[in-house]
């Protein structure tokens, strides 16, 4: 039995959806950021980084969304959440998810967690003003060059779609012009209609 530690409104949503899509047996445990539970001694024993998601497996604990998504796809191949029989195509999946993790998510984090990069209040304000531009540029690149078809990788639904949907939850809050990314917005709408996505969103509400 897998156990996912999550917090609503975070990137842990992607792993939660992937688990549901995969048909995996799993449980979830909510971590309350408002009470700083992510830095509690008990949770730090699970994930010393003090962040979500964290996935407890029979082999140990995994952290970082791209790793969790790849693990879920590979552990439950019948769900066909990644092109596991094509090493180059799987590497492309990893490349897309790595971009979301290392670039788009980091840009988004400057809005709320500027203290990771600076100490002056004026710096925090400047970072927040840049969010629509930096996050918008990341989504614009996805819109222009990375969405291959109805799904990110083309005709096949993959963990890339799950991760993109998760990031797209933040579009409005980050001040991104939706008219500039119509394919991303359409993708988000179609994702929201999937039974597994609906179930997870209800569970995290």
Protein backbone atom coordinates (compact mmCIF):
# COMPACT_ATOMS: atom_id res chain seq x y z
CA UNK A 1 0.00 0.00 0.00
CA UNK A 2 1.38 3.38 -1.04
CA UNK A 3 0.89 6.43 1.18
CA UNK A 4 0.93 9.96 -0.21
CA UNK A 5 1.52 13.01 1.95
CA UNK A 6 -0.07 16.05 0.32
CA UNK A 7 -1.34 19.57 0.85
CA UNK A 8 -4.24 21.00 -1.19
CA UNK A 9 -3.23 23.66 -3.69
CA UNK A 10 0.29 22.30 -4.12
CA UNK A 11 2.05 20.26 -6.78
CA UNK A 12 1.22 17.14 -4.74
CA UNK A 13 -2.04 17.16 -6.70
CA UNK A 14 -0.18 15.63 -9.65
CA UNK A 15 0.95 12.57 -7.72
CA UNK A 16 -2.51 12.18 -6.21
CA UNK A 17 -4.14 12.18 -9.65
CA UNK A 18 -1.52 9.79 -11.04
CA UNK A 19 -2.18 7.33 -8.22
CA UNK A 20 -5.90 7.48 -8.91
CA UNK A 21 -5.42 7.10 -12.67
CA UNK A 22 -3.08 4.15 -12.17
CA UNK A 23 -5.50 2.09 -10.13
CA UNK A 24 -2.90 1.76 -7.38
CA UNK A 25 -3.91 0.89 -3.82
CA UNK A 26 -3.01 3.97 -1.80
CA UNK A 27 -3.87 6.13 1.16
CA UNK A 28 -3.40 9.87 1.66
CA UNK A 29 -2.44 12.04 4.61
CA UNK A 30 -2.93 15.77 4.58
CA UNK A 31 -0.14 18.04 5.81
CA UNK A 32 -1.34 21.40 7.14
CA UNK A 33 0.95 24.21 6.00
CA UNK A 34 -1.04 26.74 8.03
CA UNK A 35 0.17 25.14 11.26
CA UNK A 36 3.64 24.51 9.84
CA UNK A 37 3.09 20.76 10.04
CA UNK A 38 5.55 20.27 7.19
CA UNK A 39 8.33 21.20 9.62
CA UNK A 40 7.09 19.09 12.50
CA UNK A 41 9.49 16.44 13.84
CA UNK A 42 7.16 13.63 12.77
CA UNK A 43 6.89 14.81 9.17
CA UNK A 44 10.58 15.67 8.88
CA UNK A 45 11.27 12.01 9.64
CA UNK A 46 9.30 11.23 6.47
CA UNK A 47 10.66 14.06 4.34
CA UNK A 48 13.59 16.07 5.76
CA UNK A 49 12.98 18.67 3.05
CA UNK A 50 9.79 19.74 4.81
CA UNK A 51 7.79 19.79 1.60
CA UNK A 52 5.12 17.82 -0.22
CA UNK A 53 4.60 15.49 -1.91
CA UNK A 54 6.21 12.53 -0.24
CA UNK A 55 5.31 8.99 -1.23
CA UNK A 56 5.93 6.10 1.13
CA UNK A 57 6.62 2.88 -0.80
CA UNK A 58 7.77 -0.61 0.08
CA UNK A 59 11.24 0.47 -1.00
CA UNK A 60 11.39 3.70 0.98
CA UNK A 61 10.21 7.30 0.66
CA UNK A 62 10.25 9.18 -2.63
CA UNK A 63 10.11 12.95 -3.01
CA UNK A 64 10.04 15.36 -5.99
CA UNK A 65 7.07 15.24 -8.33
CA UNK A 66 8.85 14.05 -11.51
CA UNK A 67 10.27 11.10 -9.57
CA UNK A 68 6.90 10.19 -8.08
CA UNK A 69 5.14 10.41 -11.43
CA UNK A 70 7.75 8.22 -13.14
CA UNK A 71 7.61 5.69 -10.29
CA UNK A 72 3.82 5.46 -10.46
CA UNK A 73 3.81 5.08 -14.26
CA UNK A 74 6.48 2.37 -14.13
CA UNK A 75 4.92 0.55 -11.18
CA UNK A 76 1.52 0.28 -12.84
CA UNK A 77 2.26 -0.17 -16.55
CA UNK A 78 -1.24 -1.37 -17.42
CA UNK A 79 -2.48 2.19 -16.84
CA UNK A 80 -0.28 3.32 -19.75
CA UNK A 81 0.63 6.64 -18.15
CA UNK A 82 3.99 6.81 -19.96
CA UNK A 83 5.64 5.31 -23.08
CA UNK A 84 7.60 2.76 -21.09
CA UNK A 85 8.58 0.69 -24.15
CA UNK A 86 10.33 3.61 -25.86
CA UNK A 87 13.35 4.93 -23.97
CA UNK A 88 13.59 8.15 -26.01
CA UNK A 89 9.89 8.93 -25.69
CA UNK A 90 10.10 8.28 -21.95
CA UNK A 91 13.07 10.63 -21.75
CA UNK A 92 10.92 13.27 -23.50
CA UNK A 93 8.27 12.78 -20.83
CA UNK A 94 10.93 13.30 -18.20
CA UNK A 95 12.22 16.39 -20.00
CA UNK A 96 8.78 17.99 -20.03
CA UNK A 97 8.11 17.21 -16.38
CA UNK A 98 11.57 18.44 -15.41
CA UNK A 99 10.86 21.76 -17.12
CA UNK A 100 7.66 22.19 -15.14
CA UNK A 101 9.49 21.34 -11.92
CA UNK A 102 12.71 23.30 -12.38
CA UNK A 103 11.48 26.36 -14.26
CA UNK A 104 7.73 26.93 -14.15
CA UNK A 105 7.26 25.91 -10.53
CA UNK A 106 10.30 27.87 -9.39
CA UNK A 107 8.96 31.00 -11.11
CA UNK A 108 5.61 30.48 -9.37
CA UNK A 109 7.31 30.05 -5.98
CA UNK A 110 8.79 33.55 -6.16
CA UNK A 111 5.30 34.90 -5.39
CA UNK A 112 4.99 33.33 -1.94
CA UNK A 113 8.46 32.15 -1.01
CA UNK A 114 10.79 34.96 -1.96
CA UNK A 115 12.62 34.40 1.32
CA UNK A 116 14.33 31.45 -0.36
CA UNK A 117 16.23 33.85 -2.61
CA UNK A 118 16.38 37.21 -0.81
CA UNK A 119 16.11 38.90 2.59
CA UNK A 120 14.83 42.42 1.80
CA UNK A 121 11.11 43.19 1.72
CA UNK A 122 11.63 45.31 -1.39
CA UNK A 123 13.03 42.24 -3.14
CA UNK A 124 9.93 40.24 -2.28
CA UNK A 125 7.70 42.91 -3.79
CA UNK A 126 9.78 43.01 -6.94
CA UNK A 127 9.59 39.23 -7.30
CA UNK A 128 5.81 39.31 -6.98
CA UNK A 129 5.54 41.96 -9.69
CA UNK A 130 7.50 39.70 -12.02
CA UNK A 131 5.23 36.66 -11.57
CA UNK A 132 2.83 37.34 -14.49
CA UNK A 133 5.83 37.80 -16.78
CA UNK A 134 7.98 34.88 -15.65
CA UNK A 135 5.20 32.34 -15.15
CA UNK A 136 3.47 33.62 -18.27
CA UNK A 137 6.63 33.10 -20.31
CA UNK A 138 6.91 29.52 -19.08
CA UNK A 139 3.32 28.74 -20.03
CA UNK A 140 3.81 30.51 -23.37
CA UNK A 141 6.67 28.15 -24.17
CA UNK A 142 4.50 25.15 -23.31
CA UNK A 143 1.70 26.58 -25.47
CA UNK A 144 3.96 27.26 -28.44
CA UNK A 145 6.41 24.39 -28.48
CA UNK A 146 5.47 21.58 -26.09
CA UNK A 147 1.81 20.69 -26.56
CA UNK A 148 1.92 18.21 -29.42
CA UNK A 149 -1.73 17.36 -29.80
CA UNK A 150 -4.81 16.80 -27.71
CA UNK A 151 -2.37 15.68 -25.01
CA UNK A 152 1.11 16.92 -24.22
CA UNK A 153 2.85 14.00 -25.91
CA UNK A 154 0.40 13.84 -28.81
CA UNK A 155 -2.36 11.25 -28.96
CA UNK A 156 -1.47 9.44 -25.74
CA UNK A 157 -2.48 10.63 -22.28
CA UNK A 158 0.51 10.59 -19.91
CA UNK A 159 1.83 11.81 -16.59
CA UNK A 160 2.82 15.00 -18.45
CA UNK A 161 -0.86 15.91 -18.76
CA UNK A 162 -1.40 15.33 -15.06
CA UNK A 163 1.52 17.58 -14.15
CA UNK A 164 0.55 20.33 -16.59
CA UNK A 165 -3.00 20.32 -15.26
CA UNK A 166 -1.65 20.74 -11.75
CA UNK A 167 0.45 23.76 -12.73
CA UNK A 168 -2.44 25.23 -14.73
CA UNK A 169 -4.45 25.51 -11.51
CA UNK A 170 -2.26 28.51 -10.72
CA UNK A 171 -2.80 30.49 -13.95
CA UNK A 172 -5.28 33.02 -12.63
CA UNK A 173 -3.58 33.46 -9.28
CA UNK A 174 -0.29 34.19 -11.02
CA UNK A 175 -1.88 36.81 -13.26
CA UNK A 176 -1.25 34.95 -16.52
CA UNK A 177 -3.28 36.20 -19.49
CA UNK A 178 -5.49 33.22 -20.35
CA UNK A 179 -6.08 34.54 -23.85
CA UNK A 180 -2.37 34.05 -24.52
CA UNK A 181 -2.46 30.33 -23.73
CA UNK A 182 -5.71 28.96 -25.22
CA UNK A 183 -4.38 25.43 -25.74
CA UNK A 184 -3.25 25.20 -22.12
CA UNK A 185 -6.66 26.45 -20.96
CA UNK A 186 -8.48 23.97 -23.20
CA UNK A 187 -6.26 21.18 -21.91
CA UNK A 188 -7.13 22.14 -18.33
CA UNK A 189 -10.85 22.01 -19.11
CA UNK A 190 -10.60 18.56 -20.66
CA UNK A 191 -8.50 17.27 -17.80
CA UNK A 192 -11.07 18.50 -15.29
CA UNK A 193 -13.67 16.23 -16.90
CA UNK A 194 -11.71 13.03 -16.29
CA UNK A 195 -13.30 10.86 -13.56
CA UNK A 196 -10.03 10.37 -11.70
CA UNK A 197 -9.34 14.11 -11.70
CA UNK A 198 -12.83 14.89 -10.44
CA UNK A 199 -12.49 12.33 -7.66
CA UNK A 200 -9.14 13.71 -6.50
CA UNK A 201 -10.28 17.34 -6.61
CA UNK A 202 -13.27 16.43 -4.46
CA UNK A 203 -11.02 14.57 -2.02
CA UNK A 204 -8.71 17.58 -1.67
CA UNK A 205 -11.47 20.19 -1.43
